[in-house]
PDB file of N, CA and C in Angstrom:
ATOM      1  N   HIS A   1       0.830  -1.190   0.000  1.00  0.00           N
ATOM      2  CA  HIS A   1       0.000   0.000   0.000  1.00  0.00           C
ATOM      3  C   HIS A   1       0.868   1.243   0.000  1.00  0.00           C
ATOM      4  N   CYS A   2       1.776   1.283  -0.962  1.00  0.00           N
ATOM      5  CA  CYS A   2       2.708   2.403  -1.053  1.00  0.00           C
ATOM      6  C   CYS A   2       2.647   3.022  -2.443  1.00  0.00           C
ATOM      7  N   VAL A   3       3.026   4.255  -2.486  1.00  0.00           N
ATOM      8  CA  VAL A   3       3.180   4.952  -3.750  1.00  0.00           C
ATOM      9  C   VAL A   3       4.664   5.242  -3.907  1.00  0.00           C
ATOM     10  N   PRO A   4       5.279   4.832  -5.019  1.00  0.00           N
ATOM     11  CA  PRO A   4       6.708   5.079  -5.173  1.00  0.00           C
ATOM     12  C   PRO A   4       7.013   6.567  -5.242  1.00  0.00           C
ATOM     13  N   ASN A   5       8.158   6.921  -4.717  1.00  0.00           N
ATOM     14  CA  ASN A   5       8.619   8.303  -4.775  1.00  0.00           C
ATOM     15  C   ASN A   5       9.911   8.311  -5.587  1.00  0.00           C
ATOM     16  N   TYR A   6       9.775   8.547  -6.864  1.00  0.00           N
ATOM     17  CA  TYR A   6      10.946   8.580  -7.727  1.00  0.00           C
ATOM     18  C   TYR A   6      11.770   9.813  -7.389  1.00  0.00           C
ATOM     19  N   HIS A   7      13.083   9.699  -7.455  1.00  0.00           N
ATOM     20  CA  HIS A   7      13.917  10.833  -7.085  1.00  0.00           C
ATOM     21  C   HIS A   7      14.851  11.288  -8.204  1.00  0.00           C
ATOM     22  N   LEU A   8      14.976  10.518  -9.266  1.00  0.00           N
ATOM     23  CA  LEU A   8      15.781  10.935 -10.412  1.00  0.00           C
ATOM     24  C   LEU A   8      14.995  10.702 -11.695  1.00  0.00           C
ATOM     25  N   TYR A   9      15.023  11.689 -12.556  1.00  0.00           N
ATOM     26  CA  TYR A   9      14.454  11.531 -13.888  1.00  0.00           C
ATOM     27  C   TYR A   9      15.564  11.925 -14.845  1.00  0.00           C
ATOM     28  N   SER A  10      16.236  10.937 -15.372  1.00  0.00           N
ATOM     29  CA  SER A  10      17.420  11.183 -16.187  1.00  0.00           C
ATOM     30  C   SER A  10      17.117  10.970 -17.664  1.00  0.00           C
ATOM     31  N   ILE A  11      17.663  11.860 -18.460  1.00  0.00           N
ATOM     32  CA  ILE A  11      17.522  11.780 -19.907  1.00  0.00           C
ATOM     33  C   ILE A  11      18.915  11.754 -20.524  1.00  0.00           C
ATOM     34  N   GLN A  12      18.972  11.424 -21.802  1.00  0.00           N
ATOM     35  CA  GLN A  12      20.230  11.487 -22.539  1.00  0.00           C
ATOM     36  C   GLN A  12      20.086  12.532 -23.638  1.00  0.00           C
ATOM     37  N   CYS A  13      21.142  13.316 -23.813  1.00  0.00           N
ATOM     38  CA  CYS A  13      21.124  14.380 -24.807  1.00  0.00           C
ATOM     39  C   CYS A  13      22.543  14.588 -25.324  1.00  0.00           C
ATOM     40  N   ASP A  14      22.707  14.608 -26.640  1.00  0.00           N
ATOM     41  CA  ASP A  14      24.025  14.835 -27.220  1.00  0.00           C
ATOM     42  C   ASP A  14      24.582  16.201 -26.845  1.00  0.00           C
ATOM     43  N   LYS A  15      23.710  17.162 -26.587  1.00  0.00           N
ATOM     44  CA  LYS A  15      24.125  18.515 -26.195  1.00  0.00           C
ATOM     45  C   LYS A  15      23.814  18.762 -24.720  1.00  0.00           C
ATOM     46  N   ARG A  16      24.181  17.792 -23.886  1.00  0.00           N
ATOM     47  CA  ARG A  16      23.844  17.836 -22.467  1.00  0.00           C
ATOM     48  C   ARG A  16      24.277  19.127 -21.785  1.00  0.00           C
ATOM     49  N   ASP A  17      25.524  19.532 -21.982  1.00  0.00           N
ATOM     50  CA  ASP A  17      26.034  20.704 -21.274  1.00  0.00           C
ATOM     51  C   ASP A  17      25.311  21.976 -21.705  1.00  0.00           C
ATOM     52  N   GLN A  18      25.002  22.077 -22.989  1.00  0.00           N
ATOM     53  CA  GLN A  18      24.258  23.236 -23.482  1.00  0.00           C
ATOM     54  C   GLN A  18      22.832  23.237 -22.931  1.00  0.00           C
ATOM     55  N   LEU A  19      22.203  22.061 -22.883  1.00  0.00           N
ATOM     56  CA  LEU A  19      20.862  21.958 -22.305  1.00  0.00           C
ATOM     57  C   LEU A  19      20.890  22.343 -20.837  1.00  0.00           C
ATOM     58  N   ALA A  20      21.883  21.886 -20.098  1.00  0.00           N
ATOM     59  CA  ALA A  20      21.994  22.230 -18.672  1.00  0.00           C
ATOM     60  C   ALA A  20      22.110  23.740 -18.492  1.00  0.00           C
ATOM     61  N   LYS A  21      22.907  24.402 -19.307  1.00  0.00           N
ATOM     62  CA  LYS A  21      23.053  25.864 -19.215  1.00  0.00           C
ATOM     63  C   LYS A  21      21.742  26.565 -19.551  1.00  0.00           C
ATOM     64  N   HIS A  22      21.041  26.043 -20.558  1.00  0.00           N
ATOM     65  CA  HIS A  22      19.734  26.602 -20.933  1.00  0.00           C
ATOM     66  C   HIS A  22      18.763  26.498 -19.760  1.00  0.00           C
ATOM     67  N   LEU A  23      18.709  25.332 -19.132  1.00  0.00           N
ATOM     68  CA  LEU A  23      17.822  25.142 -17.984  1.00  0.00           C
ATOM     69  C   LEU A  23      18.246  26.024 -16.814  1.00  0.00           C
ATOM     70  N   ASP A  24      19.552  26.179 -16.612  1.00  0.00           N
ATOM     71  CA  ASP A  24      20.047  27.072 -15.559  1.00  0.00           C
ATOM     72  C   ASP A  24      19.536  28.497 -15.782  1.00  0.00           C
ATOM     73  N   ARG A  25      19.605  28.966 -17.033  1.00  0.00           N
ATOM     74  CA  ARG A  25      19.122  30.320 -17.340  1.00  0.00           C
ATOM     75  C   ARG A  25      17.634  30.467 -17.024  1.00  0.00           C
ATOM     76  N   LEU A  26      16.893  29.371 -17.185  1.00  0.00           N
ATOM     77  CA  LEU A  26      15.455  29.382 -16.884  1.00  0.00           C
ATOM     78  C   LEU A  26      15.172  29.085 -15.408  1.00  0.00           C
ATOM     79  N   ARG A  27      16.238  28.907 -14.649  1.00  0.00           N
ATOM     80  CA  ARG A  27      16.154  28.590 -13.210  1.00  0.00           C
ATOM     81  C   ARG A  27      15.428  27.266 -12.969  1.00  0.00           C
ATOM     82  N   ILE A  28      15.738  26.301 -13.838  1.00  0.00           N
ATOM     83  CA  ILE A  28      15.208  24.945 -13.704  1.00  0.00           C
ATOM     84  C   ILE A  28      16.363  24.055 -13.274  1.00  0.00           C
ATOM     85  N   GLY A  29      16.206  23.454 -12.113  1.00  0.00           N
ATOM     86  CA  GLY A  29      17.261  22.603 -11.581  1.00  0.00           C
ATOM     87  C   GLY A  29      17.570  21.426 -12.496  1.00  0.00           C
ATOM     88  N   ASN A  30      18.812  21.016 -12.474  1.00  0.00           N
ATOM     89  CA  ASN A  30      19.256  19.855 -13.232  1.00  0.00           C
ATOM     90  C   ASN A  30      20.578  19.413 -12.646  1.00  0.00           C
ATOM     91  N   GLY A  31      20.992  18.214 -12.977  1.00  0.00           N
ATOM     92  CA  GLY A  31      22.247  17.755 -12.411  1.00  0.00           C
ATOM     93  C   GLY A  31      22.847  16.587 -13.165  1.00  0.00           C
ATOM     94  N   VAL A  32      24.158  16.491 -13.036  1.00  0.00           N
ATOM     95  CA  VAL A  32      24.896  15.350 -13.562  1.00  0.00           C
ATOM     96  C   VAL A  32      25.416  14.615 -12.337  1.00  0.00           C
ATOM     97  N   TYR A  33      24.774  13.517 -11.998  1.00  0.00           N
ATOM     98  CA  TYR A  33      25.116  12.809 -10.763  1.00  0.00           C
ATOM     99  C   TYR A  33      26.240  11.797 -10.946  1.00  0.00           C
ATOM    100  N   TYR A  34      26.438  11.358 -12.155  1.00  0.00           N
ATOM    101  CA  TYR A  34      27.494  10.378 -12.429  1.00  0.00           C
ATOM    102  C   TYR A  34      28.331  10.905 -13.590  1.00  0.00           C
ATOM    103  N   PRO A  35      29.242  11.846 -13.324  1.00  0.00           N
ATOM    104  CA  PRO A  35      29.972  12.507 -14.400  1.00  0.00           C
ATOM    105  C   PRO A  35      31.033  11.654 -15.079  1.00  0.00           C
ATOM    106  N   GLY A  36      31.413  10.557 -14.473  1.00  0.00           N
ATOM    107  CA  GLY A  36      32.432   9.711 -15.077  1.00  0.00           C
ATOM    108  C   GLY A  36      32.070   8.247 -14.957  1.00  0.00           C
ATOM    109  N   ALA A  37      32.536   7.477 -15.905  1.00  0.00           N
ATOM    110  CA  ALA A  37      32.275   6.036 -15.890  1.00  0.00           C
ATOM    111  C   ALA A  37      32.945   5.404 -14.667  1.00  0.00           C
ATOM    112  N   LEU A  38      32.247   4.506 -14.027  1.00  0.00           N
ATOM    113  CA  LEU A  38      32.772   3.892 -12.800  1.00  0.00           C
ATOM    114  C   LEU A  38      34.091   3.175 -13.013  1.00  0.00           C
ATOM    115  N   HIS A  39      34.253   2.508 -14.132  1.00  0.00           N
ATOM    116  CA  HIS A  39      35.483   1.738 -14.346  1.00  0.00           C
ATOM    117  C   HIS A  39      36.716   2.637 -14.501  1.00  0.00           C
ATOM    118  N   LEU A  40      36.500   3.956 -14.667  1.00  0.00           N
ATOM    119  CA  LEU A  40      37.611   4.889 -14.785  1.00  0.00           C
ATOM    120  C   LEU A  40      37.870   5.675 -13.499  1.00  0.00           C
ATOM    121  N   GLN A  41      37.096   5.404 -12.466  1.00  0.00           N
ATOM    122  CA  GLN A  41      37.274   6.097 -11.195  1.00  0.00           C
ATOM    123  C   GLN A  41      38.512   5.563 -10.473  1.00  0.00           C
ATOM    124  N   PRO A  42      39.209   6.433  -9.754  1.00  0.00           N
ATOM    125  CA  PRO A  42      40.431   6.003  -9.045  1.00  0.00           C
ATOM    126  C   PRO A  42      40.223   4.806  -8.118  1.00  0.00           C
ATOM    127  N   CYS A  43      39.071   4.715  -7.478  1.00  0.00           N
ATOM    128  CA  CYS A  43      38.850   3.617  -6.522  1.00  0.00           C
ATOM    129  C   CYS A  43      38.770   2.250  -7.206  1.00  0.00           C
ATOM    130  N   TYR A  44      38.568   2.233  -8.522  1.00  0.00           N
ATOM    131  CA  TYR A  44      38.506   0.969  -9.265  1.00  0.00           C
ATOM    132  C   TYR A  44      39.737   0.735 -10.136  1.00  0.00           C
ATOM    133  N   ARG A  45      40.734   1.563  -9.991  1.00  0.00           N
ATOM    134  CA  ARG A  45      41.946   1.459 -10.807  1.00  0.00           C
ATOM    135  C   ARG A  45      42.582   0.076 -10.716  1.00  0.00           C
ATOM    136  N   SER A  46      42.499  -0.542  -9.538  1.00  0.00           N
ATOM    137  CA  SER A  46      43.128  -1.854  -9.338  1.00  0.00           C
ATOM    138  C   SER A  46      42.504  -2.949 -10.202  1.00  0.00           C
ATOM    139  N   LEU A  47      41.318  -2.701 -10.756  1.00  0.00           N
ATOM    140  CA  LEU A  47      40.664  -3.696 -11.606  1.00  0.00           C
ATOM    141  C   LEU A  47      41.291  -3.748 -12.997  1.00  0.00           C
ATOM    142  N   GLY A  48      42.059  -2.715 -13.337  1.00  0.00           N
ATOM    143  CA  GLY A  48      42.807  -2.739 -14.589  1.00  0.00           C
ATOM    144  C   GLY A  48      42.056  -2.296 -15.828  1.00  0.00           C
ATOM    145  N   TYR A  49      40.860  -1.747 -15.659  1.00  0.00           N
ATOM    146  CA  TYR A  49      40.120  -1.274 -16.835  1.00  0.00           C
ATOM    147  C   TYR A  49      40.707   0.042 -17.331  1.00  0.00           C
ATOM    148  N   LYS A  50      40.563   0.286 -18.625  1.00  0.00           N
ATOM    149  CA  LYS A  50      41.070   1.521 -19.211  1.00  0.00           C
ATOM    150  C   LYS A  50      39.993   2.139 -20.096  1.00  0.00           C
ATOM    151  N   LYS A  51      40.248   3.383 -20.480  1.00  0.00           N
ATOM    152  CA  LYS A  51      39.322   4.075 -21.363  1.00  0.00           C
ATOM    153  C   LYS A  51      39.135   3.249 -22.634  1.00  0.00           C
ATOM    154  N   GLY A  52      37.885   3.074 -23.021  1.00  0.00           N
ATOM    155  CA  GLY A  52      37.563   2.295 -24.204  1.00  0.00           C
ATOM    156  C   GLY A  52      37.082   0.884 -23.898  1.00  0.00           C
ATOM    157  N   ASP A  53      37.279   0.424 -22.660  1.00  0.00           N
ATOM    158  CA  ASP A  53      36.839  -0.931 -22.308  1.00  0.00           C
ATOM    159  C   ASP A  53      35.310  -1.055 -22.245  1.00  0.00           C
ATOM    160  N   PHE A  54      34.633   0.017 -21.907  1.00  0.00           N
ATOM    161  CA  PHE A  54      33.172   0.021 -21.831  1.00  0.00           C
ATOM    162  C   PHE A  54      32.653   1.249 -22.597  1.00  0.00           C
ATOM    163  N   PRO A  55      32.664   1.187 -23.920  1.00  0.00           N
ATOM    164  CA  PRO A  55      32.337   2.367 -24.727  1.00  0.00           C
ATOM    165  C   PRO A  55      30.908   2.881 -24.549  1.00  0.00           C
ATOM    166  N   VAL A  56      29.965   1.996 -24.323  1.00  0.00           N
ATOM    167  CA  VAL A  56      28.580   2.447 -24.138  1.00  0.00           C
ATOM    168  C   VAL A  56      28.476   3.249 -22.843  1.00  0.00           C
ATOM    169  N   THR A  57      29.052   2.733 -21.783  1.00  0.00           N
ATOM    170  CA  THR A  57      29.043   3.442 -20.503  1.00  0.00           C
ATOM    171  C   THR A  57      29.714   4.801 -20.639  1.00  0.00           C
ATOM    172  N   GLU A  58      30.840   4.842 -21.308  1.00  0.00           N
ATOM    173  CA  GLU A  58      31.574   6.094 -21.471  1.00  0.00           C
ATOM    174  C   GLU A  58      30.759   7.109 -22.277  1.00  0.00           C
ATOM    175  N   ARG A  59      30.036   6.638 -23.277  1.00  0.00           N
ATOM    176  CA  ARG A  59      29.195   7.540 -24.082  1.00  0.00           C
ATOM    177  C   ARG A  59      28.024   8.066 -23.259  1.00  0.00           C
ATOM    178  N   VAL A  60      27.379   7.189 -22.515  1.00  0.00           N
ATOM    179  CA  VAL A  60      26.215   7.591 -21.726  1.00  0.00           C
ATOM    180  C   VAL A  60      26.598   8.619 -20.661  1.00  0.00           C
ATOM    181  N   THR A  61      27.750   8.444 -20.020  1.00  0.00           N
ATOM    182  CA  THR A  61      28.133   9.382 -18.963  1.00  0.00           C
ATOM    183  C   THR A  61      28.355  10.791 -19.499  1.00  0.00           C
ATOM    184  N   LYS A  62      28.563  10.933 -20.787  1.00  0.00           N
ATOM    185  CA  LYS A  62      28.727  12.258 -21.392  1.00  0.00           C
ATOM    186  C   LYS A  62      27.388  12.847 -21.834  1.00  0.00           C
ATOM    187  N   ARG A  63      26.328  12.031 -21.802  1.00  0.00           N
ATOM    188  CA  ARG A  63      25.031  12.446 -22.345  1.00  0.00           C
ATOM    189  C   ARG A  63      23.935  12.574 -21.298  1.00  0.00           C
ATOM    190  N   ILE A  64      24.144  12.032 -20.101  1.00  0.00           N
ATOM    191  CA  ILE A  64      23.051  11.914 -19.138  1.00  0.00           C
ATOM    192  C   ILE A  64      22.882  13.190 -18.308  1.00  0.00           C
ATOM    193  N   LEU A  65      21.632  13.583 -18.139  1.00  0.00           N
ATOM    194  CA  LEU A  65      21.278  14.770 -17.360  1.00  0.00           C
ATOM    195  C   LEU A  65      20.017  14.452 -16.575  1.00  0.00           C
ATOM    196  N   SER A  66      20.019  14.781 -15.302  1.00  0.00           N
ATOM    197  CA  SER A  66      18.848  14.533 -14.464  1.00  0.00           C
ATOM    198  C   SER A  66      18.026  15.806 -14.325  1.00  0.00           C
ATOM    199  N   LEU A  67      16.732  15.641 -14.497  1.00  0.00           N
ATOM    200  CA  LEU A  67      15.775  16.735 -14.388  1.00  0.00           C
ATOM    201  C   LEU A  67      15.070  16.658 -13.038  1.00  0.00           C
ATOM    202  N   PRO A  68      14.418  17.738 -12.616  1.00  0.00           N
ATOM    203  CA  PRO A  68      13.726  17.719 -11.323  1.00  0.00           C
ATOM    204  C   PRO A  68      12.657  16.630 -11.259  1.00  0.00           C
ATOM    205  N   MET A  69      12.614  15.961 -10.123  1.00  0.00           N
ATOM    206  CA  MET A  69      11.617  14.923  -9.865  1.00  0.00           C
ATOM    207  C   MET A  69      11.509  14.759  -8.355  1.00  0.00           C
ATOM    208  N   TYR A  70      10.341  15.043  -7.817  1.00  0.00           N
ATOM    209  CA  TYR A  70      10.134  14.840  -6.385  1.00  0.00           C
ATOM    210  C   TYR A  70       8.637  14.769  -6.097  1.00  0.00           C
ATOM    211  N   ALA A  71       8.306  14.200  -4.972  1.00  0.00           N
ATOM    212  CA  ALA A  71       6.917  13.880  -4.643  1.00  0.00           C
ATOM    213  C   ALA A  71       6.009  15.110  -4.613  1.00  0.00           C
ATOM    214  N   GLU A  72       6.510  16.230  -4.137  1.00  0.00           N
ATOM    215  CA  GLU A  72       5.681  17.423  -3.982  1.00  0.00           C
ATOM    216  C   GLU A  72       5.627  18.290  -5.230  1.00  0.00           C
ATOM    217  N   MET A  73       6.196  17.837  -6.324  1.00  0.00           N
ATOM    218  CA  MET A  73       6.241  18.630  -7.552  1.00  0.00           C
ATOM    219  C   MET A  73       4.823  18.874  -8.062  1.00  0.00           C
ATOM    220  N   THR A  74       4.539  20.144  -8.332  1.00  0.00           N
ATOM    221  CA  THR A  74       3.199  20.499  -8.805  1.00  0.00           C
ATOM    222  C   THR A  74       3.118  20.343 -10.323  1.00  0.00           C
ATOM    223  N   ALA A  75       1.910  20.361 -10.832  1.00  0.00           N
ATOM    224  CA  ALA A  75       1.716  20.287 -12.279  1.00  0.00           C
ATOM    225  C   ALA A  75       2.361  21.492 -12.958  1.00  0.00           C
ATOM    226  N   ALA A  76       2.282  22.660 -12.343  1.00  0.00           N
ATOM    227  CA  ALA A  76       2.888  23.862 -12.917  1.00  0.00           C
ATOM    228  C   ALA A  76       4.412  23.720 -12.977  1.00  0.00           C
ATOM    229  N   GLN A  77       5.010  23.169 -11.942  1.00  0.00           N
ATOM    230  CA  GLN A  77       6.459  22.956 -11.945  1.00  0.00           C
ATOM    231  C   GLN A  77       6.857  21.933 -13.009  1.00  0.00           C
ATOM    232  N   ARG A  78       6.096  20.863 -13.092  1.00  0.00           N
ATOM    233  CA  ARG A  78       6.365  19.845 -14.109  1.00  0.00           C
ATOM    234  C   ARG A  78       6.257  20.442 -15.505  1.00  0.00           C
ATOM    235  N   ASN A  79       5.234  21.254 -15.735  1.00  0.00           N
ATOM    236  CA  ASN A  79       5.053  21.878 -17.041  1.00  0.00           C
ATOM    237  C   ASN A  79       6.182  22.855 -17.358  1.00  0.00           C
ATOM    238  N   ALA A  80       6.716  23.525 -16.344  1.00  0.00           N
ATOM    239  CA  ALA A  80       7.842  24.438 -16.559  1.00  0.00           C
ATOM    240  C   ALA A  80       9.075  23.653 -17.022  1.00  0.00           C
ATOM    241  N   VAL A  81       9.303  22.494 -16.446  1.00  0.00           N
ATOM    242  CA  VAL A  81      10.430  21.652 -16.860  1.00  0.00           C
ATOM    243  C   VAL A  81      10.224  21.187 -18.298  1.00  0.00           C
ATOM    244  N   ILE A  82       9.041  20.725 -18.596  1.00  0.00           N
ATOM    245  CA  ILE A  82       8.732  20.262 -19.954  1.00  0.00           C
ATOM    246  C   ILE A  82       8.939  21.391 -20.953  1.00  0.00           C
ATOM    247  N   HIS A  83       8.415  22.567 -20.654  1.00  0.00           N
ATOM    248  CA  HIS A  83       8.566  23.718 -21.543  1.00  0.00           C
ATOM    249  C   HIS A  83      10.042  24.092 -21.695  1.00  0.00           C
ATOM    250  N   GLY A  84      10.783  24.053 -20.599  1.00  0.00           N
ATOM    251  CA  GLY A  84      12.194  24.398 -20.646  1.00  0.00           C
ATOM    252  C   GLY A  84      12.982  23.467 -21.551  1.00  0.00           C
ATOM    253  N   VAL A  85      12.727  22.179 -21.449  1.00  0.00           N
ATOM    254  CA  VAL A  85      13.433  21.211 -22.296  1.00  0.00           C
ATOM    255  C   VAL A  85      13.015  21.381 -23.743  1.00  0.00           C
ATOM    256  N   ARG A  86      11.734  21.498 -23.971  1.00  0.00           N
ATOM    257  CA  ARG A  86      11.244  21.654 -25.346  1.00  0.00           C
ATOM    258  C   ARG A  86      11.780  22.932 -25.993  1.00  0.00           C
ATOM    259  N   SER A  87      11.850  24.001 -25.233  1.00  0.00           N
ATOM    260  CA  SER A  87      12.316  25.269 -25.797  1.00  0.00           C
ATOM    261  C   SER A  87      13.772  25.198 -26.228  1.00  0.00           C
ATOM    262  N   PHE A  88      14.547  24.340 -25.608  1.00  0.00           N
ATOM    263  CA  PHE A  88      15.941  24.163 -26.008  1.00  0.00           C
ATOM    264  C   PHE A  88      16.033  23.577 -27.418  1.00  0.00           C
ATOM    265  N   PHE A  89      15.130  22.683 -27.740  1.00  0.00           N
ATOM    266  CA  PHE A  89      15.197  21.976 -29.012  1.00  0.00           C
ATOM    267  C   PHE A  89      14.496  22.690 -30.156  1.00  0.00           C
ATOM    268  N   LYS A  90      13.878  23.823 -29.883  1.00  0.00           N
ATOM    269  CA  LYS A  90      13.194  24.588 -30.959  1.00  0.00           C
ATOM    270  C   LYS A  90      14.175  25.423 -31.717  1.00  0.00           C
TER     271      LYS A  90
END
Protein backbone atom coordinates (compact mmCIF):
# COMPACT_ATOMS: atom_id res chain seq x y z
CA HIS A 1 0.00 0.00 0.00
CA CYS A 2 2.71 2.40 -1.05
CA VAL A 3 3.18 4.95 -3.75
CA PRO A 4 6.71 5.08 -5.17
CA ASN A 5 8.62 8.30 -4.77
CA TYR A 6 10.95 8.58 -7.73
CA HIS A 7 13.92 10.83 -7.08
CA LEU A 8 15.78 10.93 -10.41
CA TYR A 9 14.45 11.53 -13.89
CA SER A 10 17.42 11.18 -16.19
CA ILE A 11 17.52 11.78 -19.91
CA GLN A 12 20.23 11.49 -22.54
CA CYS A 13 21.12 14.38 -24.81
CA ASP A 14 24.03 14.84 -27.22
CA LYS A 15 24.13 18.51 -26.20
CA ARG A 16 23.84 17.84 -22.47
CA ASP A 17 26.03 20.70 -21.27
CA GLN A 18 24.26 23.24 -23.48
CA LEU A 19 20.86 21.96 -22.31
CA ALA A 20 21.99 22.23 -18.67
CA LYS A 21 23.05 25.86 -19.22
CA HIS A 22 19.73 26.60 -20.93
CA LEU A 23 17.82 25.14 -17.98
CA ASP A 24 20.05 27.07 -15.56
CA ARG A 25 19.12 30.32 -17.34
CA LEU A 26 15.46 29.38 -16.88
CA ARG A 27 16.15 28.59 -13.21
CA ILE A 28 15.21 24.95 -13.70
CA GLY A 29 17.26 22.60 -11.58
CA ASN A 30 19.26 19.86 -13.23
CA GLY A 31 22.25 17.75 -12.41
CA VAL A 32 24.90 15.35 -13.56
CA TYR A 33 25.12 12.81 -10.76
CA TYR A 34 27.49 10.38 -12.43
CA PRO A 35 29.97 12.51 -14.40
CA GLY A 36 32.43 9.71 -15.08
CA ALA A 37 32.27 6.04 -15.89
CA LEU A 38 32.77 3.89 -12.80
CA HIS A 39 35.48 1.74 -14.35
CA LEU A 40 37.61 4.89 -14.79
CA GLN A 41 37.27 6.10 -11.20
CA PRO A 42 40.43 6.00 -9.04
CA CYS A 43 38.85 3.62 -6.52
CA TYR A 44 38.51 0.97 -9.27
CA ARG A 45 41.95 1.46 -10.81
CA SER A 46 43.13 -1.85 -9.34
CA LEU A 47 40.66 -3.70 -11.61
CA GLY A 48 42.81 -2.74 -14.59
CA TYR A 49 40.12 -1.27 -16.84
CA LYS A 50 41.07 1.52 -19.21
CA LYS A 51 39.32 4.07 -21.36
CA GLY A 52 37.56 2.29 -24.20
CA ASP A 53 36.84 -0.93 -22.31
CA PHE A 54 33.17 0.02 -21.83
CA PRO A 55 32.34 2.37 -24.73
CA VAL A 56 28.58 2.45 -24.14
CA THR A 57 29.04 3.44 -20.50
CA GLU A 58 31.57 6.09 -21.47
CA ARG A 59 29.20 7.54 -24.08
CA VAL A 60 26.21 7.59 -21.73
CA THR A 61 28.13 9.38 -18.96
CA LYS A 62 28.73 12.26 -21.39
CA ARG A 63 25.03 12.45 -22.34
CA ILE A 64 23.05 11.91 -19.14
CA LEU A 65 21.28 14.77 -17.36
CA SER A 66 18.85 14.53 -14.46
CA LEU A 67 15.77 16.74 -14.39
CA PRO A 68 13.73 17.72 -11.32
CA MET A 69 11.62 14.92 -9.87
CA TYR A 70 10.13 14.84 -6.39
CA ALA A 71 6.92 13.88 -4.64
CA GLU A 72 5.68 17.42 -3.98
CA MET A 73 6.24 18.63 -7.55
CA THR A 74 3.20 20.50 -8.81
CA ALA A 75 1.72 20.29 -12.28
CA ALA A 76 2.89 23.86 -12.92
CA GLN A 77 6.46 22.96 -11.95
CA ARG A 78 6.36 19.85 -14.11
CA ASN A 79 5.05 21.88 -17.04
CA ALA A 80 7.84 24.44 -16.56
CA VAL A 81 10.43 21.65 -16.86
CA ILE A 82 8.73 20.26 -19.95
CA HIS A 83 8.57 23.72 -21.54
CA GLY A 84 12.19 24.40 -20.65
CA VAL A 85 13.43 21.21 -22.30
CA ARG A 86 11.24 21.65 -25.35
CA SER A 87 12.32 25.27 -25.80
CA PHE A 88 15.94 24.16 -26.01
CA PHE A 89 15.20 21.98 -29.01
CA LYS A 90 13.19 24.59 -30.96
